[in-house]
Amino acid sequence: MDTSRRILLAGLAGLAVAPTAAGAAPSTAADDVTVAEERFARMIAAAHAPEITCARQAERYADAHWPNYVAAARSVIGARA
């Protein structure tokens, strides 16, 4: 599976599990987040970037907004466990 499809599917999974995470304030401090949760939150944030056609802009959006997607990442990771 190529990277763009993986990012898209992760974003859709994040929306399906926690659709309000995009508008919510960061739910946790960065100290409480595991590496897996941070990486998955960044992937979900990149998938929700306004300009997904540009990978660099999606990456910048993910860097700035990944704390907003930690709850969605935790929900998806918890559902898979």
C-alpha atoms as a PDB file:
ATOM      1  CA  MET A   1       0.000   0.000   0.000  1.00  0.00           C
ATOM      2  CA  ASP A   2       1.494   3.340  -0.955  1.00  0.00           C
ATOM      3  CA  THR A   3       1.995   6.156   1.535  1.00  0.00           C
ATOM      4  CA  SER A   4      -0.766   8.470   0.309  1.00  0.00           C
ATOM      5  CA  ARG A   5      -3.360   5.713   0.563  1.00  0.00           C
ATOM      6  CA  ARG A   6      -2.110   4.832   4.051  1.00  0.00           C
ATOM      7  CA  ILE A   7      -2.413   8.478   5.137  1.00  0.00           C
ATOM      8  CA  LEU A   8      -5.890   8.750   3.655  1.00  0.00           C
ATOM      9  CA  LEU A   9      -7.085   5.579   5.380  1.00  0.00           C
ATOM     10  CA  ALA A  10      -5.606   6.698   8.691  1.00  0.00           C
ATOM     11  CA  GLY A  11      -7.384  10.019   8.352  1.00  0.00           C
ATOM     12  CA  LEU A  12     -10.675   8.332   7.621  1.00  0.00           C
ATOM     13  CA  ALA A  13     -10.184   6.022  10.585  1.00  0.00           C
ATOM     14  CA  GLY A  14      -9.559   9.035  12.795  1.00  0.00           C
ATOM     15  CA  LEU A  15     -12.743  10.701  11.588  1.00  0.00           C
ATOM     16  CA  ALA A  16     -14.798   7.562  12.073  1.00  0.00           C
ATOM     17  CA  VAL A  17     -13.640   7.091  15.646  1.00  0.00           C
ATOM     18  CA  ALA A  18     -13.452  10.672  16.896  1.00  0.00           C
ATOM     19  CA  PRO A  19     -15.026  13.156  14.473  1.00  0.00           C
ATOM     20  CA  THR A  20     -14.763  16.065  16.929  1.00  0.00           C
ATOM     21  CA  ALA A  21     -11.010  15.722  17.462  1.00  0.00           C
ATOM     22  CA  ALA A  22     -10.201  18.111  14.617  1.00  0.00           C
ATOM     23  CA  GLY A  23     -11.924  21.046  16.287  1.00  0.00           C
ATOM     24  CA  ALA A  24     -11.058  20.215  19.863  1.00  0.00           C
ATOM     25  CA  ALA A  25      -8.239  21.675  21.884  1.00  0.00           C
ATOM     26  CA  PRO A  26      -5.215  19.466  22.527  1.00  0.00           C
ATOM     27  CA  SER A  27      -6.398  16.875  25.021  1.00  0.00           C
ATOM     28  CA  THR A  28      -3.056  15.956  26.562  1.00  0.00           C
ATOM     29  CA  ALA A  29       0.392  17.307  27.086  1.00  0.00           C
ATOM     30  CA  ALA A  30       3.071  16.058  24.725  1.00  0.00           C
ATOM     31  CA  ASP A  31       4.756  14.306  27.671  1.00  0.00           C
ATOM     32  CA  ASP A  32       1.845  11.858  28.073  1.00  0.00           C
ATOM     33  CA  VAL A  33       1.871  10.659  24.466  1.00  0.00           C
ATOM     34  CA  THR A  34       3.614   7.477  23.346  1.00  0.00           C
ATOM     35  CA  VAL A  35       5.686   7.390  20.173  1.00  0.00           C
ATOM     36  CA  ALA A  36       3.061   5.269  18.409  1.00  0.00           C
ATOM     37  CA  GLU A  37       0.285   7.680  19.379  1.00  0.00           C
ATOM     38  CA  GLU A  38       2.300  10.685  18.205  1.00  0.00           C
ATOM     39  CA  ARG A  39       3.160   9.104  14.868  1.00  0.00           C
ATOM     40  CA  PHE A  40      -0.419   8.034  14.259  1.00  0.00           C
ATOM     41  CA  ALA A  41      -1.730  11.456  15.318  1.00  0.00           C
ATOM     42  CA  ARG A  42       0.671  13.111  12.856  1.00  0.00           C
ATOM     43  CA  MET A  43      -0.535  10.768  10.109  1.00  0.00           C
ATOM     44  CA  ILE A  44      -4.182  11.585  10.839  1.00  0.00           C
ATOM     45  CA  ALA A  45      -3.395  15.321  10.968  1.00  0.00           C
ATOM     46  CA  ALA A  46      -1.595  15.133   7.611  1.00  0.00           C
ATOM     47  CA  ALA A  47      -4.634  13.443   6.113  1.00  0.00           C
ATOM     48  CA  HIS A  48      -6.846  16.280   7.376  1.00  0.00           C
ATOM     49  CA  ALA A  49      -4.629  19.083   6.099  1.00  0.00           C
ATOM     50  CA  PRO A  50      -6.530  21.678   4.059  1.00  0.00           C
ATOM     51  CA  GLU A  51      -4.104  21.375   1.125  1.00  0.00           C
ATOM     52  CA  ILE A  52      -3.485  17.647   0.928  1.00  0.00           C
ATOM     53  CA  THR A  53      -2.276  17.954  -2.672  1.00  0.00           C
ATOM     54  CA  CYS A  54       1.034  19.339  -1.412  1.00  0.00           C
ATOM     55  CA  ALA A  55       2.963  16.910   0.786  1.00  0.00           C
ATOM     56  CA  ARG A  56       5.098  19.652   2.312  1.00  0.00           C
ATOM     57  CA  GLN A  57       2.064  21.666   3.421  1.00  0.00           C
ATOM     58  CA  ALA A  58       0.422  18.541   4.812  1.00  0.00           C
ATOM     59  CA  GLU A  59       3.600  17.800   6.772  1.00  0.00           C
ATOM     60  CA  ARG A  60       3.719  21.344   8.171  1.00  0.00           C
ATOM     61  CA  TYR A  61       0.041  21.114   9.129  1.00  0.00           C
ATOM     62  CA  ALA A  62       0.700  17.793  10.862  1.00  0.00           C
ATOM     63  CA  ASP A  63       3.666  19.241  12.763  1.00  0.00           C
ATOM     64  CA  ALA A  64       1.549  22.118  14.035  1.00  0.00           C
ATOM     65  CA  HIS A  65      -1.711  20.278  14.770  1.00  0.00           C
ATOM     66  CA  TRP A  66      -0.844  16.716  15.791  1.00  0.00           C
ATOM     67  CA  PRO A  67      -1.766  17.276  19.493  1.00  0.00           C
ATOM     68  CA  ASN A  68      -5.358  17.881  18.373  1.00  0.00           C
ATOM     69  CA  TYR A  69      -5.500  14.350  16.949  1.00  0.00           C
ATOM     70  CA  VAL A  70      -4.076  12.405  19.913  1.00  0.00           C
ATOM     71  CA  ALA A  71      -7.538  11.381  21.140  1.00  0.00           C
ATOM     72  CA  ALA A  72      -8.427   9.995  17.709  1.00  0.00           C
ATOM     73  CA  ALA A  73      -5.106   8.162  17.499  1.00  0.00           C
ATOM     74  CA  ARG A  74      -5.608   6.623  20.935  1.00  0.00           C
ATOM     75  CA  SER A  75      -9.110   5.512  19.990  1.00  0.00           C
ATOM     76  CA  VAL A  76      -7.935   3.826  16.815  1.00  0.00           C
ATOM     77  CA  ILE A  77      -4.937   2.190  18.501  1.00  0.00           C
ATOM     78  CA  GLY A  78      -7.145   1.028  21.369  1.00  0.00           C
ATOM     79  CA  ALA A  79      -9.700  -0.437  18.969  1.00  0.00           C
ATOM     80  CA  ARG A  80      -6.979  -2.410  17.193  1.00  0.00           C
ATOM     81  CA  ALA A  81      -5.606  -3.893  20.427  1.00  0.00           C
END
